[in-house]
């Protein structure tokens, strides 16, 4: 090591090995799976409800006692080992809130990983998205780089951790 070299030097983007990013991405996939498994499949009673079925889709509700909006969950079984899930806040008519967070992800039950397909914000009160905003969203969706996947999965990881802190659970009266 050179004496003049900073101990905490920032690496240039091309110096970061893509293998380490892929390993980190898969560790986030596994962490997200464990968290959603805790929220959705936490009890044996709920595990029975999630057996593979051709009912398309199943609609569930996550609730919390912390005076926060309920979360609508749509579960669509593609196979006994693959499930598509969409989650968004249920009440779109809350005052002073213009956007609501949503996520769409795929659960690979046999591999125990969760891969985020899409995440972002929905407008409240059903207002339309301008055409220029649609074009920007479509352009972003086409990007499939490791960094983009990692960013989306890290955002969802933070949101899932908040759901755990707020003690969201499946509502018994779906």
C-alpha atoms as a PDB file:
ATOM      1  CA  UNK A   1       0.000   0.000   0.000  1.00  0.00           C
ATOM      2  CA  UNK A   2       1.241   3.442  -0.868  1.00  0.00           C
ATOM      3  CA  UNK A   3       1.589   5.865   1.997  1.00  0.00           C
ATOM      4  CA  UNK A   4      -0.338   8.585   0.139  1.00  0.00           C
ATOM      5  CA  UNK A   5      -3.247   6.304  -0.654  1.00  0.00           C
ATOM      6  CA  UNK A   6      -6.414   6.916   1.341  1.00  0.00           C
ATOM      7  CA  UNK A   7      -7.576   4.089   3.566  1.00  0.00           C
ATOM      8  CA  UNK A   8     -11.166   4.722   2.481  1.00  0.00           C
ATOM      9  CA  UNK A   9     -10.620   5.388  -1.218  1.00  0.00           C
ATOM     10  CA  UNK A  10     -13.772   5.170  -3.322  1.00  0.00           C
ATOM     11  CA  UNK A  11     -13.503   2.598  -6.068  1.00  0.00           C
ATOM     12  CA  UNK A  12     -14.468   3.495  -9.570  1.00  0.00           C
ATOM     13  CA  UNK A  13     -17.582   1.775 -10.851  1.00  0.00           C
ATOM     14  CA  UNK A  14     -15.675  -0.544 -13.196  1.00  0.00           C
ATOM     15  CA  UNK A  15     -13.420  -1.696 -10.336  1.00  0.00           C
ATOM     16  CA  UNK A  16     -16.310  -3.296  -8.441  1.00  0.00           C
ATOM     17  CA  UNK A  17     -16.482  -6.957  -9.352  1.00  0.00           C
ATOM     18  CA  UNK A  18     -19.812  -7.984 -10.802  1.00  0.00           C
ATOM     19  CA  UNK A  19     -19.557 -11.355  -9.021  1.00  0.00           C
ATOM     20  CA  UNK A  20     -19.711  -9.628  -5.638  1.00  0.00           C
ATOM     21  CA  UNK A  21     -22.780  -7.645  -6.767  1.00  0.00           C
ATOM     22  CA  UNK A  22     -24.501 -10.825  -7.908  1.00  0.00           C
ATOM     23  CA  UNK A  23     -23.701 -12.528  -4.586  1.00  0.00           C
ATOM     24  CA  UNK A  24     -25.054  -9.512  -2.703  1.00  0.00           C
ATOM     25  CA  UNK A  25     -28.190  -9.451  -4.895  1.00  0.00           C
ATOM     26  CA  UNK A  26     -28.891 -13.119  -4.148  1.00  0.00           C
ATOM     27  CA  UNK A  27     -28.394 -12.530  -0.424  1.00  0.00           C
ATOM     28  CA  UNK A  28     -31.034  -9.759  -0.635  1.00  0.00           C
ATOM     29  CA  UNK A  29     -33.331 -12.162  -2.555  1.00  0.00           C
ATOM     30  CA  UNK A  30     -32.984 -14.605   0.350  1.00  0.00           C
ATOM     31  CA  UNK A  31     -33.481 -11.921   3.031  1.00  0.00           C
ATOM     32  CA  UNK A  32     -36.627 -10.652   1.295  1.00  0.00           C
ATOM     33  CA  UNK A  33     -37.974 -14.201   1.057  1.00  0.00           C
ATOM     34  CA  UNK A  34     -37.410 -14.767   4.791  1.00  0.00           C
ATOM     35  CA  UNK A  35     -39.161 -11.508   5.661  1.00  0.00           C
ATOM     36  CA  UNK A  36     -42.214 -12.097   3.462  1.00  0.00           C
ATOM     37  CA  UNK A  37     -42.312 -15.703   4.680  1.00  0.00           C
ATOM     38  CA  UNK A  38     -42.507 -14.362   8.239  1.00  0.00           C
ATOM     39  CA  UNK A  39     -45.286 -11.905   7.328  1.00  0.00           C
ATOM     40  CA  UNK A  40     -47.450 -14.101   5.081  1.00  0.00           C
ATOM     41  CA  UNK A  41     -46.679 -17.664   6.117  1.00  0.00           C
ATOM     42  CA  UNK A  42     -45.818 -17.080   9.780  1.00  0.00           C
ATOM     43  CA  UNK A  43     -48.360 -19.442  11.281  1.00  0.00           C
ATOM     44  CA  UNK A  44     -49.348 -22.957  10.289  1.00  0.00           C
ATOM     45  CA  UNK A  45     -52.936 -21.759   9.824  1.00  0.00           C
ATOM     46  CA  UNK A  46     -51.757 -19.357   7.094  1.00  0.00           C
ATOM     47  CA  UNK A  47     -49.446 -21.928   5.487  1.00  0.00           C
ATOM     48  CA  UNK A  48     -52.424 -24.190   4.800  1.00  0.00           C
ATOM     49  CA  UNK A  49     -54.130 -21.307   2.990  1.00  0.00           C
ATOM     50  CA  UNK A  50     -51.167 -20.946   0.602  1.00  0.00           C
ATOM     51  CA  UNK A  51     -51.131 -24.400  -0.917  1.00  0.00           C
ATOM     52  CA  UNK A  52     -50.988 -24.443  -4.707  1.00  0.00           C
ATOM     53  CA  UNK A  53     -54.404 -23.891  -6.218  1.00  0.00           C
ATOM     54  CA  UNK A  54     -55.830 -22.881  -9.548  1.00  0.00           C
ATOM     55  CA  UNK A  55     -57.843 -20.095  -7.916  1.00  0.00           C
ATOM     56  CA  UNK A  56     -56.589 -17.049  -9.728  1.00  0.00           C
ATOM     57  CA  UNK A  57     -55.778 -14.773  -7.930  1.00  0.00           C
ATOM     58  CA  UNK A  58     -56.153 -14.915  -4.143  1.00  0.00           C
ATOM     59  CA  UNK A  59     -56.802 -11.568  -2.461  1.00  0.00           C
ATOM     60  CA  UNK A  60     -55.548 -10.996   1.070  1.00  0.00           C
ATOM     61  CA  UNK A  61     -55.203  -8.041   3.431  1.00  0.00           C
ATOM     62  CA  UNK A  62     -52.333  -7.175   5.757  1.00  0.00           C
ATOM     63  CA  UNK A  63     -53.283  -5.050   8.762  1.00  0.00           C
ATOM     64  CA  UNK A  64     -51.493  -3.391  11.638  1.00  0.00           C
ATOM     65  CA  UNK A  65     -52.587  -1.997  14.997  1.00  0.00           C
ATOM     66  CA  UNK A  66     -50.355   1.065  14.502  1.00  0.00           C
ATOM     67  CA  UNK A  67     -52.955   3.261  12.704  1.00  0.00           C
ATOM     68  CA  UNK A  68     -51.467   2.752   9.251  1.00  0.00           C
ATOM     69  CA  UNK A  69     -53.349   1.820   6.073  1.00  0.00           C
ATOM     70  CA  UNK A  70     -54.072  -1.806   5.254  1.00  0.00           C
ATOM     71  CA  UNK A  71     -52.080  -3.433   2.470  1.00  0.00           C
ATOM     72  CA  UNK A  72     -53.824  -5.327  -0.316  1.00  0.00           C
ATOM     73  CA  UNK A  73     -52.012  -8.514  -1.368  1.00  0.00           C
ATOM     74  CA  UNK A  74     -52.785 -10.348  -4.597  1.00  0.00           C
ATOM     75  CA  UNK A  75     -51.352 -13.864  -4.835  1.00  0.00           C
ATOM     76  CA  UNK A  76     -51.257 -15.680  -8.174  1.00  0.00           C
ATOM     77  CA  UNK A  77     -49.913 -19.261  -8.267  1.00  0.00           C
ATOM     78  CA  UNK A  78     -48.038 -20.012 -11.477  1.00  0.00           C
ATOM     79  CA  UNK A  79     -46.979 -23.481 -10.297  1.00  0.00           C
ATOM     80  CA  UNK A  80     -46.595 -25.326  -6.980  1.00  0.00           C
ATOM     81  CA  UNK A  81     -43.160 -23.681  -6.661  1.00  0.00           C
ATOM     82  CA  UNK A  82     -43.665 -20.235  -8.214  1.00  0.00           C
ATOM     83  CA  UNK A  83     -45.970 -17.464  -7.012  1.00  0.00           C
ATOM     84  CA  UNK A  84     -46.464 -13.926  -8.296  1.00  0.00           C
ATOM     85  CA  UNK A  85     -47.434 -11.424  -5.605  1.00  0.00           C
ATOM     86  CA  UNK A  86     -48.528  -7.803  -5.828  1.00  0.00           C
ATOM     87  CA  UNK A  87     -48.789  -5.543  -2.782  1.00  0.00           C
ATOM     88  CA  UNK A  88     -50.085  -1.987  -2.416  1.00  0.00           C
ATOM     89  CA  UNK A  89     -51.796   0.126   0.197  1.00  0.00           C
ATOM     90  CA  UNK A  90     -55.490  -0.585   0.173  1.00  0.00           C
ATOM     91  CA  UNK A  91     -57.012   2.855   0.787  1.00  0.00           C
ATOM     92  CA  UNK A  92     -56.371   5.189  -2.151  1.00  0.00           C
ATOM     93  CA  UNK A  93     -58.503   8.019  -0.766  1.00  0.00           C
ATOM     94  CA  UNK A  94     -56.425   9.176   2.209  1.00  0.00           C
ATOM     95  CA  UNK A  95     -56.175  12.941   2.577  1.00  0.00           C
ATOM     96  CA  UNK A  96     -52.895  14.717   1.833  1.00  0.00           C
ATOM     97  CA  UNK A  97     -51.256  11.629   0.342  1.00  0.00           C
ATOM     98  CA  UNK A  98     -50.630  11.847  -3.381  1.00  0.00           C
ATOM     99  CA  UNK A  99     -48.691   8.627  -3.992  1.00  0.00           C
ATOM    100  CA  UNK A 100     -48.791   5.097  -2.610  1.00  0.00           C
ATOM    101  CA  UNK A 101     -45.960   2.588  -2.666  1.00  0.00           C
ATOM    102  CA  UNK A 102     -46.473  -0.721  -4.474  1.00  0.00           C
ATOM    103  CA  UNK A 103     -44.387  -3.782  -5.294  1.00  0.00           C
ATOM    104  CA  UNK A 104     -44.752  -6.802  -7.583  1.00  0.00           C
ATOM    105  CA  UNK A 105     -42.494  -9.767  -6.998  1.00  0.00           C
ATOM    106  CA  UNK A 106     -42.051 -13.447  -7.733  1.00  0.00           C
ATOM    107  CA  UNK A 107     -41.553 -16.039  -4.995  1.00  0.00           C
ATOM    108  CA  UNK A 108     -39.553 -19.128  -5.861  1.00  0.00           C
ATOM    109  CA  UNK A 109     -40.690 -21.407  -3.048  1.00  0.00           C
ATOM    110  CA  UNK A 110     -38.274 -24.248  -3.794  1.00  0.00           C
ATOM    111  CA  UNK A 111     -35.205 -21.968  -3.993  1.00  0.00           C
ATOM    112  CA  UNK A 112     -36.481 -19.729  -1.150  1.00  0.00           C
ATOM    113  CA  UNK A 113     -35.823 -16.481  -2.979  1.00  0.00           C
ATOM    114  CA  UNK A 114     -37.942 -13.442  -3.768  1.00  0.00           C
ATOM    115  CA  UNK A 115     -37.207 -11.468  -6.932  1.00  0.00           C
ATOM    116  CA  UNK A 116     -38.708  -7.997  -7.285  1.00  0.00           C
ATOM    117  CA  UNK A 117     -40.239  -7.472 -10.710  1.00  0.00           C
ATOM    118  CA  UNK A 118     -41.551  -3.945 -10.296  1.00  0.00           C
ATOM    119  CA  UNK A 119     -41.761  -1.305  -7.588  1.00  0.00           C
ATOM    120  CA  UNK A 120     -42.686   2.342  -7.423  1.00  0.00           C
ATOM    121  CA  UNK A 121     -45.530   4.691  -6.616  1.00  0.00           C
ATOM    122  CA  UNK A 122     -49.175   4.778  -7.649  1.00  0.00           C
ATOM    123  CA  UNK A 123     -51.092   8.036  -7.770  1.00  0.00           C
ATOM    124  CA  UNK A 124     -53.942   8.338  -5.311  1.00  0.00           C
ATOM    125  CA  UNK A 125     -57.491   9.307  -6.305  1.00  0.00           C
ATOM    126  CA  UNK A 126     -57.161   7.608  -9.694  1.00  0.00           C
ATOM    127  CA  UNK A 127     -55.506  10.506 -11.470  1.00  0.00           C
ATOM    128  CA  UNK A 128     -53.982   9.679 -14.829  1.00  0.00           C
ATOM    129  CA  UNK A 129     -50.250   9.503 -15.509  1.00  0.00           C
ATOM    130  CA  UNK A 130     -49.097  11.894 -18.217  1.00  0.00           C
ATOM    131  CA  UNK A 131     -47.787  10.341 -21.429  1.00  0.00           C
ATOM    132  CA  UNK A 132     -44.237  11.633 -20.836  1.00  0.00           C
ATOM    133  CA  UNK A 133     -44.227   9.921 -17.419  1.00  0.00           C
ATOM    134  CA  UNK A 134     -45.391   6.655 -19.021  1.00  0.00           C
ATOM    135  CA  UNK A 135     -42.550   6.799 -21.523  1.00  0.00           C
ATOM    136  CA  UNK A 136     -40.013   7.349 -18.719  1.00  0.00           C
ATOM    137  CA  UNK A 137     -41.445   4.413 -16.758  1.00  0.00           C
ATOM    138  CA  UNK A 138     -41.355   2.109 -19.805  1.00  0.00           C
ATOM    139  CA  UNK A 139     -37.777   3.127 -20.570  1.00  0.00           C
ATOM    140  CA  UNK A 140     -36.768   2.316 -16.974  1.00  0.00           C
ATOM    141  CA  UNK A 141     -38.529  -1.062 -17.020  1.00  0.00           C
ATOM    142  CA  UNK A 142     -36.363  -2.179 -19.932  1.00  0.00           C
ATOM    143  CA  UNK A 143     -33.192  -1.723 -17.886  1.00  0.00           C
ATOM    144  CA  UNK A 144     -32.232  -5.089 -16.359  1.00  0.00           C
ATOM    145  CA  UNK A 145     -28.726  -4.440 -15.042  1.00  0.00           C
ATOM    146  CA  UNK A 146     -27.494  -5.994 -11.803  1.00  0.00           C
ATOM    147  CA  UNK A 147     -27.364  -2.534 -10.191  1.00  0.00           C
ATOM    148  CA  UNK A 148     -30.996  -1.830 -11.128  1.00  0.00           C
ATOM    149  CA  UNK A 149     -32.148  -5.185  -9.749  1.00  0.00           C
ATOM    150  CA  UNK A 150     -30.134  -4.640  -6.588  1.00  0.00           C
ATOM    151  CA  UNK A 151     -31.590  -1.158  -6.098  1.00  0.00           C
ATOM    152  CA  UNK A 152     -35.180  -2.383  -6.476  1.00  0.00           C
ATOM    153  CA  UNK A 153     -34.614  -5.311  -4.134  1.00  0.00           C
ATOM    154  CA  UNK A 154     -32.939  -3.113  -1.506  1.00  0.00           C
ATOM    155  CA  UNK A 155     -35.889  -0.680  -1.597  1.00  0.00           C
ATOM    156  CA  UNK A 156     -38.313  -3.538  -1.086  1.00  0.00           C
ATOM    157  CA  UNK A 157     -36.103  -4.948   1.681  1.00  0.00           C
ATOM    158  CA  UNK A 158     -36.385  -1.627   3.558  1.00  0.00           C
ATOM    159  CA  UNK A 159     -40.171  -1.577   3.082  1.00  0.00           C
ATOM    160  CA  UNK A 160     -40.535  -5.174   4.286  1.00  0.00           C
ATOM    161  CA  UNK A 161     -38.482  -4.326   7.374  1.00  0.00           C
ATOM    162  CA  UNK A 162     -40.882  -1.444   8.091  1.00  0.00           C
ATOM    163  CA  UNK A 163     -43.851  -3.811   7.733  1.00  0.00           C
ATOM    164  CA  UNK A 164     -42.258  -6.121  10.311  1.00  0.00           C
ATOM    165  CA  UNK A 165     -41.626  -3.184  12.688  1.00  0.00           C
ATOM    166  CA  UNK A 166     -45.256  -2.097  12.301  1.00  0.00           C
ATOM    167  CA  UNK A 167     -46.342  -5.701  12.998  1.00  0.00           C
ATOM    168  CA  UNK A 168     -48.396  -6.189   9.850  1.00  0.00           C
ATOM    169  CA  UNK A 169     -50.226  -9.516   9.880  1.00  0.00           C
ATOM    170  CA  UNK A 170     -52.800 -11.227   7.708  1.00  0.00           C
ATOM    171  CA  UNK A 171     -56.259  -9.953   8.493  1.00  0.00           C
ATOM    172  CA  UNK A 172     -58.593 -12.771   9.466  1.00  0.00           C
ATOM    173  CA  UNK A 173     -61.548 -11.117   7.733  1.00  0.00           C
ATOM    174  CA  UNK A 174     -60.341 -10.984   4.155  1.00  0.00           C
END
